[in-house]
Amino acid sequence: MSNISGKVIAITGASSGIGEATALLLAERGAKIVVGARRTDRLEKLAETIAAKGGEARFRAVDVTSRDDTQAFVDFARAEFGRVDVLVNNAGVMPLSLMGDLHIEDWDRMIDVNIRGVLHGIAAVLPDMQKNGGQIVNVASIGAHMVMPTAAVYCATKYAVWAISEGLRQENPNVRVTTISPGVVATELGHDIPDANTQGVLVELRKNALTPDAIARAIAYAVEQPDEVDVNEIIVRPIAGSI
C-alpha cells in the first residue's frame, strides 16, 4: 500500500491552484483530506468532487494570518479524523512591485501570509508531531533561491520559509520536514499585482509555466516515502526557461 493511503492531510490555500491540485491527488491516493482557505464556496465544491470520486474530505474556512484561526483549522481536522499526519502550508500571496513604489501594505500582507501563516501552521501541529511523528510540507518558491526586480519582498518571505523549514528539520528529528520550491506555475498567484507592466512580465513568464498538478506530484512524492525517509527539498521548474 502507498504510504499516503489512510493519512490525514490538512492543506491550507486549497481553494485553487497548487492546494486544490494537491488535495485532489492525495485524496485519489487514499488520504483523508481537510482543506482550508477563505473561499468556502470553492472548498465545498472541492470536497464534493473528492467525495464523488470515492475519497474523504472535509473543509473549513481559515485565515492563516490568525494564529487562533489556524489552530482552529487544525483542531477541526483532528476532530473529524482523530489526528493530523501531514500539514501542507500552501497559502501564499505575491503582489509584486518595485521597492521604490512603496506598496507597504502589500509588503505587510506578504509577511503576514507567507511567513506568519507558515509559522501559525507549524505551531498548530508541532506539539503533537513532536510526540507522535508527522510531516510538515512548506510550499516556498524558486524565489527562495533567487531574486529579481519587483520580487525582493516576495523572495525574502520565501527565503524565510526555506530557513524556517531547515531549522525546524534540525530541531525535530521525529518530524519530517519538506520544502517545495516551485518555479513558474499557472495559478491565480499574482492576480493582485498592482502594476500593469509587472503583470505583463508574469503573463510572459507563464507562457512556459507548469500546471499545478506538477507540484502536487512533487508533494505526493515527499509524502509517500517510507517514514524513515525525509525528503527535505524539491525544486520544480518548467523545462523551458530558467524560472
C-alpha atoms as a PDB file:
ATOM      1  CA  MET A   1       0.000   0.000   0.000  1.00  0.00           C
ATOM      2  CA  SER A   2       1.037   3.584  -0.592  1.00  0.00           C
ATOM      3  CA  ASN A   3       2.428   5.450   2.408  1.00  0.00           C
ATOM      4  CA  ILE A   4      -0.177   8.102   1.554  1.00  0.00           C
ATOM      5  CA  SER A   5      -3.199   5.867   1.981  1.00  0.00           C
ATOM      6  CA  GLY A   6      -5.013   6.449   5.266  1.00  0.00           C
ATOM      7  CA  LYS A   7      -3.027   9.519   6.246  1.00  0.00           C
ATOM      8  CA  VAL A   8      -4.867  12.596   7.472  1.00  0.00           C
ATOM      9  CA  ILE A   9      -3.567  15.554   5.482  1.00  0.00           C
ATOM     10  CA  ALA A  10      -4.518  19.184   6.125  1.00  0.00           C
ATOM     11  CA  ILE A  11      -3.887  21.700   3.347  1.00  0.00           C
ATOM     12  CA  THR A  12      -4.086  25.493   3.526  1.00  0.00           C
ATOM     13  CA  GLY A  13      -4.637  27.687   0.492  1.00  0.00           C
ATOM     14  CA  ALA A  14      -6.644  24.844  -1.031  1.00  0.00           C
ATOM     15  CA  SER A  15      -9.367  26.757  -2.879  1.00  0.00           C
ATOM     16  CA  SER A  16      -7.396  26.859  -6.148  1.00  0.00           C
ATOM     17  CA  GLY A  17      -4.070  26.180  -7.804  1.00  0.00           C
ATOM     18  CA  ILE A  18      -1.454  24.032  -6.084  1.00  0.00           C
ATOM     19  CA  GLY A  19      -3.528  23.467  -2.954  1.00  0.00           C
ATOM     20  CA  GLU A  20      -6.545  22.269  -4.895  1.00  0.00           C
ATOM     21  CA  ALA A  21      -4.467  20.005  -7.159  1.00  0.00           C
ATOM     22  CA  THR A  22      -2.672  18.541  -4.146  1.00  0.00           C
ATOM     23  CA  ALA A  23      -5.939  17.803  -2.359  1.00  0.00           C
ATOM     24  CA  LEU A  24      -7.321  16.001  -5.412  1.00  0.00           C
ATOM     25  CA  LEU A  25      -4.193  13.909  -5.971  1.00  0.00           C
ATOM     26  CA  LEU A  26      -3.637  12.903  -2.342  1.00  0.00           C
ATOM     27  CA  ALA A  27      -7.309  12.023  -1.942  1.00  0.00           C
ATOM     28  CA  GLU A  28      -7.075   9.881  -5.077  1.00  0.00           C
ATOM     29  CA  ARG A  29      -4.168   8.060  -3.434  1.00  0.00           C
ATOM     30  CA  GLY A  30      -6.184   7.298  -0.324  1.00  0.00           C
ATOM     31  CA  ALA A  31      -5.522  10.160   2.075  1.00  0.00           C
ATOM     32  CA  LYS A  32      -8.199  11.735   4.232  1.00  0.00           C
ATOM     33  CA  ILE A  33      -8.146  15.394   3.284  1.00  0.00           C
ATOM     34  CA  VAL A  34      -9.010  18.544   5.213  1.00  0.00           C
ATOM     35  CA  VAL A  35      -8.864  21.675   3.074  1.00  0.00           C
ATOM     36  CA  GLY A  36      -8.794  25.268   4.276  1.00  0.00           C
ATOM     37  CA  ALA A  37      -8.884  28.705   2.665  1.00  0.00           C
ATOM     38  CA  ARG A  38     -11.014  31.830   2.848  1.00  0.00           C
ATOM     39  CA  ARG A  39     -13.290  30.986  -0.099  1.00  0.00           C
ATOM     40  CA  THR A  40     -15.535  28.326   1.386  1.00  0.00           C
ATOM     41  CA  ASP A  41     -17.704  28.019  -1.714  1.00  0.00           C
ATOM     42  CA  ARG A  42     -14.711  26.657  -3.612  1.00  0.00           C
ATOM     43  CA  LEU A  43     -13.703  24.434  -0.712  1.00  0.00           C
ATOM     44  CA  GLU A  44     -17.184  22.947  -0.570  1.00  0.00           C
ATOM     45  CA  LYS A  45     -17.088  22.181  -4.288  1.00  0.00           C
ATOM     46  CA  LEU A  46     -13.637  20.612  -3.914  1.00  0.00           C
ATOM     47  CA  ALA A  47     -14.787  18.402  -1.032  1.00  0.00           C
ATOM     48  CA  GLU A  48     -17.816  17.332  -3.068  1.00  0.00           C
ATOM     49  CA  THR A  49     -15.583  16.457  -6.024  1.00  0.00           C
ATOM     50  CA  ILE A  50     -13.340  14.317  -3.832  1.00  0.00           C
ATOM     51  CA  ALA A  51     -16.339  12.569  -2.283  1.00  0.00           C
ATOM     52  CA  ALA A  52     -17.836  11.890  -5.712  1.00  0.00           C
ATOM     53  CA  LYS A  53     -14.628  10.075  -6.643  1.00  0.00           C
ATOM     54  CA  GLY A  54     -14.832   7.903  -3.537  1.00  0.00           C
ATOM     55  CA  GLY A  55     -12.471   9.906  -1.342  1.00  0.00           C
ATOM     56  CA  GLU A  56     -12.881  11.507   2.069  1.00  0.00           C
ATOM     57  CA  ALA A  57     -12.625  15.266   2.543  1.00  0.00           C
ATOM     58  CA  ARG A  58     -13.716  17.963   4.952  1.00  0.00           C
ATOM     59  CA  PHE A  59     -13.413  21.719   4.619  1.00  0.00           C
ATOM     60  CA  ARG A  60     -13.223  24.718   6.903  1.00  0.00           C
ATOM     61  CA  ALA A  61     -12.587  28.412   6.356  1.00  0.00           C
ATOM     62  CA  VAL A  62      -9.180  29.504   7.602  1.00  0.00           C
ATOM     63  CA  ASP A  63      -7.282  32.775   7.688  1.00  0.00           C
ATOM     64  CA  VAL A  64      -3.665  31.754   8.187  1.00  0.00           C
ATOM     65  CA  THR A  65      -2.701  35.243   9.337  1.00  0.00           C
ATOM     66  CA  SER A  66      -4.652  34.488  12.525  1.00  0.00           C
ATOM     67  CA  ARG A  67      -2.946  32.116  14.941  1.00  0.00           C
ATOM     68  CA  ASP A  68      -6.273  31.261  16.598  1.00  0.00           C
ATOM     69  CA  ASP A  69      -7.986  30.578  13.283  1.00  0.00           C
ATOM     70  CA  THR A  70      -5.144  28.357  12.091  1.00  0.00           C
ATOM     71  CA  GLN A  71      -5.221  26.422  15.351  1.00  0.00           C
ATOM     72  CA  ALA A  72      -8.984  26.026  14.984  1.00  0.00           C
ATOM     73  CA  PHE A  73      -8.471  24.635  11.465  1.00  0.00           C
ATOM     74  CA  VAL A  74      -6.042  22.002  12.728  1.00  0.00           C
ATOM     75  CA  ASP A  75      -8.284  21.213  15.700  1.00  0.00           C
ATOM     76  CA  PHE A  76     -11.170  20.731  13.260  1.00  0.00           C
ATOM     77  CA  ALA A  77      -9.099  18.242  11.265  1.00  0.00           C
ATOM     78  CA  ARG A  78      -8.311  16.311  14.443  1.00  0.00           C
ATOM     79  CA  ALA A  79     -11.954  16.344  15.495  1.00  0.00           C
ATOM     80  CA  GLU A  80     -13.035  14.969  12.106  1.00  0.00           C
ATOM     81  CA  PHE A  81     -10.358  12.311  11.642  1.00  0.00           C
ATOM     82  CA  GLY A  82      -8.624  11.869  15.010  1.00  0.00           C
ATOM     83  CA  ARG A  83      -5.205  13.248  14.118  1.00  0.00           C
ATOM     84  CA  VAL A  84      -3.164  15.190  11.563  1.00  0.00           C
ATOM     85  CA  ASP A  85      -0.347  13.228   9.924  1.00  0.00           C
ATOM     86  CA  VAL A  86       0.703  15.833   7.374  1.00  0.00           C
ATOM     87  CA  LEU A  87       0.253  19.603   7.182  1.00  0.00           C
ATOM     88  CA  VAL A  88       0.762  21.299   3.814  1.00  0.00           C
ATOM     89  CA  ASN A  89       1.399  25.004   4.394  1.00  0.00           C
ATOM     90  CA  ASN A  90       0.455  26.227   0.935  1.00  0.00           C
ATOM     91  CA  ALA A  91      -1.346  29.568   1.412  1.00  0.00           C
ATOM     92  CA  GLY A  92       0.589  32.452  -0.149  1.00  0.00           C
ATOM     93  CA  VAL A  93       0.297  35.820  -1.881  1.00  0.00           C
ATOM     94  CA  MET A  94       2.523  37.543  -4.461  1.00  0.00           C
ATOM     95  CA  PRO A  95       1.633  41.215  -5.137  1.00  0.00           C
ATOM     96  CA  LEU A  96       4.950  42.025  -6.835  1.00  0.00           C
ATOM     97  CA  SER A  97       6.109  45.636  -7.098  1.00  0.00           C
ATOM     98  CA  LEU A  98       9.258  47.737  -7.244  1.00  0.00           C
ATOM     99  CA  MET A  99      10.604  48.651  -3.816  1.00  0.00           C
ATOM    100  CA  GLY A 100      10.519  52.319  -4.753  1.00  0.00           C
ATOM    101  CA  ASP A 101       6.762  52.215  -5.294  1.00  0.00           C
ATOM    102  CA  LEU A 102       6.402  51.762  -1.527  1.00  0.00           C
ATOM    103  CA  HIS A 103       3.458  49.370  -1.574  1.00  0.00           C
ATOM    104  CA  ILE A 104       3.982  48.856   2.137  1.00  0.00           C
ATOM    105  CA  GLU A 105       0.578  47.335   2.765  1.00  0.00           C
ATOM    106  CA  ASP A 106       1.407  44.651   0.192  1.00  0.00           C
ATOM    107  CA  TRP A 107       4.759  44.040   1.913  1.00  0.00           C
ATOM    108  CA  ASP A 108       2.926  43.569   5.193  1.00  0.00           C
ATOM    109  CA  ARG A 109       0.427  41.189   3.624  1.00  0.00           C
ATOM    110  CA  MET A 110       3.183  39.020   2.166  1.00  0.00           C
ATOM    111  CA  ILE A 111       4.892  38.871   5.540  1.00  0.00           C
ATOM    112  CA  ASP A 112       1.612  38.035   7.283  1.00  0.00           C
ATOM    113  CA  VAL A 113       0.506  35.293   4.876  1.00  0.00           C
ATOM    114  CA  ASN A 114       3.775  33.870   3.574  1.00  0.00           C
ATOM    115  CA  ILE A 115       5.760  33.888   6.833  1.00  0.00           C
ATOM    116  CA  ARG A 116       3.383  34.221   9.765  1.00  0.00           C
ATOM    117  CA  GLY A 117       0.900  31.883   8.096  1.00  0.00           C
ATOM    118  CA  VAL A 118       3.561  29.166   7.874  1.00  0.00           C
ATOM    119  CA  LEU A 119       4.600  29.735  11.480  1.00  0.00           C
ATOM    120  CA  HIS A 120       0.989  29.552  12.638  1.00  0.00           C
ATOM    121  CA  GLY A 121       0.561  26.245  10.842  1.00  0.00           C
ATOM    122  CA  ILE A 122       3.732  24.859  12.380  1.00  0.00           C
ATOM    123  CA  ALA A 123       2.683  25.984  15.853  1.00  0.00           C
ATOM    124  CA  ALA A 124      -0.697  24.294  15.462  1.00  0.00           C
ATOM    125  CA  VAL A 125       0.707  20.837  14.656  1.00  0.00           C
ATOM    126  CA  LEU A 126       4.206  20.725  16.125  1.00  0.00           C
ATOM    127  CA  PRO A 127       3.495  19.788  19.770  1.00  0.00           C
ATOM    128  CA  ASP A 128       1.556  16.702  18.713  1.00  0.00           C
ATOM    129  CA  MET A 129       4.021  15.785  15.965  1.00  0.00           C
ATOM    130  CA  GLN A 130       6.947  16.024  18.376  1.00  0.00           C
ATOM    131  CA  LYS A 131       5.280  13.238  20.362  1.00  0.00           C
ATOM    132  CA  ASN A 132       3.737  11.160  17.612  1.00  0.00           C
ATOM    133  CA  GLY A 133       5.664  11.984  14.454  1.00  0.00           C
ATOM    134  CA  GLY A 134       4.330  13.525  11.300  1.00  0.00           C
ATOM    135  CA  GLN A 135       5.293  15.670   8.341  1.00  0.00           C
ATOM    136  CA  ILE A 136       5.176  19.385   7.596  1.00  0.00           C
ATOM    137  CA  VAL A 137       5.333  20.405   3.936  1.00  0.00           C
ATOM    138  CA  ASN A 138       6.030  24.095   3.388  1.00  0.00           C
ATOM    139  CA  VAL A 139       5.447  25.487  -0.098  1.00  0.00           C
ATOM    140  CA  ALA A 140       8.131  28.085  -0.763  1.00  0.00           C
ATOM    141  CA  SER A 141       9.143  29.180  -4.285  1.00  0.00           C
ATOM    142  CA  ILE A 142      12.050  29.354  -6.652  1.00  0.00           C
ATOM    143  CA  GLY A 143      12.102  32.845  -5.142  1.00  0.00           C
ATOM    144  CA  ALA A 144      13.707  31.258  -2.079  1.00  0.00           C
ATOM    145  CA  HIS A 145      16.813  30.743  -4.259  1.00  0.00           C
ATOM    146  CA  MET A 146      16.906  33.823  -6.473  1.00  0.00           C
ATOM    147  CA  VAL A 147      15.871  37.486  -6.529  1.00  0.00           C
ATOM    148  CA  MET A 148      14.629  39.596  -9.427  1.00  0.00           C
ATOM    149  CA  PRO A 149      13.293  43.156  -9.731  1.00  0.00           C
ATOM    150  CA  THR A 150       9.772  43.605  -8.280  1.00  0.00           C
ATOM    151  CA  ALA A 151      10.156  40.388  -6.264  1.00  0.00           C
ATOM    152  CA  ALA A 152      12.505  41.445  -3.446  1.00  0.00           C
ATOM    153  CA  VAL A 153       9.976  41.251  -0.622  1.00  0.00           C
ATOM    154  CA  TYR A 154       8.254  38.161  -2.017  1.00  0.00           C
ATOM    155  CA  CYS A 155      11.600  36.391  -2.382  1.00  0.00           C
ATOM    156  CA  ALA A 156      12.519  37.428   1.161  1.00  0.00           C
ATOM    157  CA  THR A 157       9.367  35.807   2.507  1.00  0.00           C
ATOM    158  CA  LYS A 158      10.051  32.611   0.593  1.00  0.00           C
ATOM    159  CA  TYR A 159      13.669  32.508   1.719  1.00  0.00           C
ATOM    160  CA  ALA A 160      12.286  32.821   5.238  1.00  0.00           C
ATOM    161  CA  VAL A 161      10.098  29.763   4.586  1.00  0.00           C
ATOM    162  CA  TRP A 162      13.196  27.854   3.478  1.00  0.00           C
ATOM    163  CA  ALA A 163      15.159  28.955   6.566  1.00  0.00           C
ATOM    164  CA  ILE A 164      12.302  28.167   8.956  1.00  0.00           C
ATOM    165  CA  SER A 165      11.921  24.731   7.390  1.00  0.00           C
ATOM    166  CA  GLU A 166      15.618  23.948   7.719  1.00  0.00           C
ATOM    167  CA  GLY A 167      15.691  25.000  11.357  1.00  0.00           C
ATOM    168  CA  LEU A 168      12.547  23.009  12.041  1.00  0.00           C
ATOM    169  CA  ARG A 169      14.117  19.922  10.486  1.00  0.00           C
ATOM    170  CA  GLN A 170      17.290  20.185  12.544  1.00  0.00           C
ATOM    171  CA  GLU A 171      15.439  20.707  15.817  1.00  0.00           C
ATOM    172  CA  ASN A 172      12.870  17.915  15.369  1.00  0.00           C
ATOM    173  CA  PRO A 173      14.315  14.542  14.329  1.00  0.00           C
ATOM    174  CA  ASN A 174      10.907  12.932  14.845  1.00  0.00           C
ATOM    175  CA  VAL A 175       9.199  15.218  12.291  1.00  0.00           C
ATOM    176  CA  ARG A 176       9.680  15.001   8.539  1.00  0.00           C
ATOM    177  CA  VAL A 177      10.060  18.473   7.010  1.00  0.00           C
ATOM    178  CA  THR A 178       9.830  19.177   3.295  1.00  0.00           C
ATOM    179  CA  THR A 179      10.207  22.437   1.393  1.00  0.00           C
ATOM    180  CA  ILE A 180       8.667  22.549  -2.069  1.00  0.00           C
ATOM    181  CA  SER A 181      10.055  25.331  -4.291  1.00  0.00           C
ATOM    182  CA  PRO A 182       8.021  25.698  -7.486  1.00  0.00           C
ATOM    183  CA  GLY A 183       9.179  27.673 -10.463  1.00  0.00           C
ATOM    184  CA  VAL A 184       6.590  29.414 -12.603  1.00  0.00           C
ATOM    185  CA  VAL A 185       3.189  27.751 -12.244  1.00  0.00           C
ATOM    186  CA  ALA A 186      -0.099  28.675 -13.897  1.00  0.00           C
ATOM    187  CA  THR A 187      -2.172  29.671 -10.863  1.00  0.00           C
ATOM    188  CA  GLU A 188      -4.034  32.694  -9.500  1.00  0.00           C
ATOM    189  CA  LEU A 189      -0.902  33.777  -7.616  1.00  0.00           C
ATOM    190  CA  GLY A 190      -0.029  37.323  -8.601  1.00  0.00           C
ATOM    191  CA  HIS A 191      -3.552  38.328  -9.620  1.00  0.00           C
ATOM    192  CA  ASP A 192      -3.189  41.262  -7.208  1.00  0.00           C
ATOM    193  CA  ILE A 193      -0.013  42.727  -8.732  1.00  0.00           C
ATOM    194  CA  PRO A 194      -0.729  46.474  -8.830  1.00  0.00           C
ATOM    195  CA  ASP A 195       1.407  47.439 -11.848  1.00  0.00           C
ATOM    196  CA  ALA A 196       0.277  46.560 -15.372  1.00  0.00           C
ATOM    197  CA  ASN A 197       3.847  46.213 -16.691  1.00  0.00           C
ATOM    198  CA  THR A 198       4.729  43.750 -13.945  1.00  0.00           C
ATOM    199  CA  GLN A 199       1.530  41.843 -14.663  1.00  0.00           C
ATOM    200  CA  GLY A 200       2.660  41.662 -18.281  1.00  0.00           C
ATOM    201  CA  VAL A 201       6.029  40.196 -17.318  1.00  0.00           C
ATOM    202  CA  LEU A 202       4.293  37.478 -15.323  1.00  0.00           C
ATOM    203  CA  VAL A 203       1.992  36.711 -18.253  1.00  0.00           C
ATOM    204  CA  GLU A 204       5.049  36.242 -20.483  1.00  0.00           C
ATOM    205  CA  LEU A 205       6.776  34.010 -17.931  1.00  0.00           C
ATOM    206  CA  ARG A 206       3.679  31.861 -17.661  1.00  0.00           C
ATOM    207  CA  LYS A 207       3.777  31.028 -21.356  1.00  0.00           C
ATOM    208  CA  ASN A 208       6.155  28.247 -20.266  1.00  0.00           C
ATOM    209  CA  ALA A 209       4.531  27.577 -16.893  1.00  0.00           C
ATOM    210  CA  LEU A 210       3.995  24.304 -15.098  1.00  0.00           C
ATOM    211  CA  THR A 211       0.472  23.262 -14.219  1.00  0.00           C
ATOM    212  CA  PRO A 212      -0.444  22.861 -10.528  1.00  0.00           C
ATOM    213  CA  ASP A 213      -0.601  19.068 -10.779  1.00  0.00           C
ATOM    214  CA  ALA A 214       3.174  19.016 -11.340  1.00  0.00           C
ATOM    215  CA  ILE A 215       3.680  20.484  -7.873  1.00  0.00           C
ATOM    216  CA  ALA A 216       1.027  18.174  -6.432  1.00  0.00           C
ATOM    217  CA  ARG A 217       3.032  15.200  -7.695  1.00  0.00           C
ATOM    218  CA  ALA A 218       6.170  16.547  -6.027  1.00  0.00           C
ATOM    219  CA  ILE A 219       4.316  16.867  -2.733  1.00  0.00           C
ATOM    220  CA  ALA A 220       2.918  13.359  -3.129  1.00  0.00           C
ATOM    221  CA  TYR A 221       6.443  12.043  -3.764  1.00  0.00           C
ATOM    222  CA  ALA A 222       7.685  13.532  -0.489  1.00  0.00           C
ATOM    223  CA  VAL A 223       4.702  12.255   1.482  1.00  0.00           C
ATOM    224  CA  GLU A 224       4.746   8.724   0.067  1.00  0.00           C
ATOM    225  CA  GLN A 225       8.312   7.958   1.129  1.00  0.00           C
ATOM    226  CA  PRO A 226       8.829   5.469   3.966  1.00  0.00           C
ATOM    227  CA  ASP A 227       8.567   7.039   7.406  1.00  0.00           C
ATOM    228  CA  GLU A 228      12.341   6.866   7.913  1.00  0.00           C
ATOM    229  CA  VAL A 229      12.976   8.841   4.691  1.00  0.00           C
ATOM    230  CA  ASP A 230      12.822  12.645   4.856  1.00  0.00           C
ATOM    231  CA  VAL A 231      12.795  14.446   1.510  1.00  0.00           C
ATOM    232  CA  ASN A 232      13.979  17.870   2.603  1.00  0.00           C
ATOM    233  CA  GLU A 233      13.581  19.958  -0.530  1.00  0.00           C
ATOM    234  CA  ILE A 234      12.282  19.674  -4.048  1.00  0.00           C
ATOM    235  CA  ILE A 235      12.754  22.390  -6.686  1.00  0.00           C
ATOM    236  CA  VAL A 236      10.376  22.009  -9.625  1.00  0.00           C
ATOM    237  CA  ARG A 237      10.894  24.150 -12.735  1.00  0.00           C
ATOM    238  CA  PRO A 238       9.461  24.111 -16.244  1.00  0.00           C
ATOM    239  CA  ILE A 239      11.950  22.530 -18.644  1.00  0.00           C
ATOM    240  CA  ALA A 240      11.769  25.656 -20.845  1.00  0.00           C
ATOM    241  CA  GLY A 241      13.178  28.843 -19.304  1.00  0.00           C
ATOM    242  CA  SER A 242      15.183  29.479 -16.148  1.00  0.00           C
ATOM    243  CA  ILE A 243      12.477  30.396 -13.594  1.00  0.00           C
END
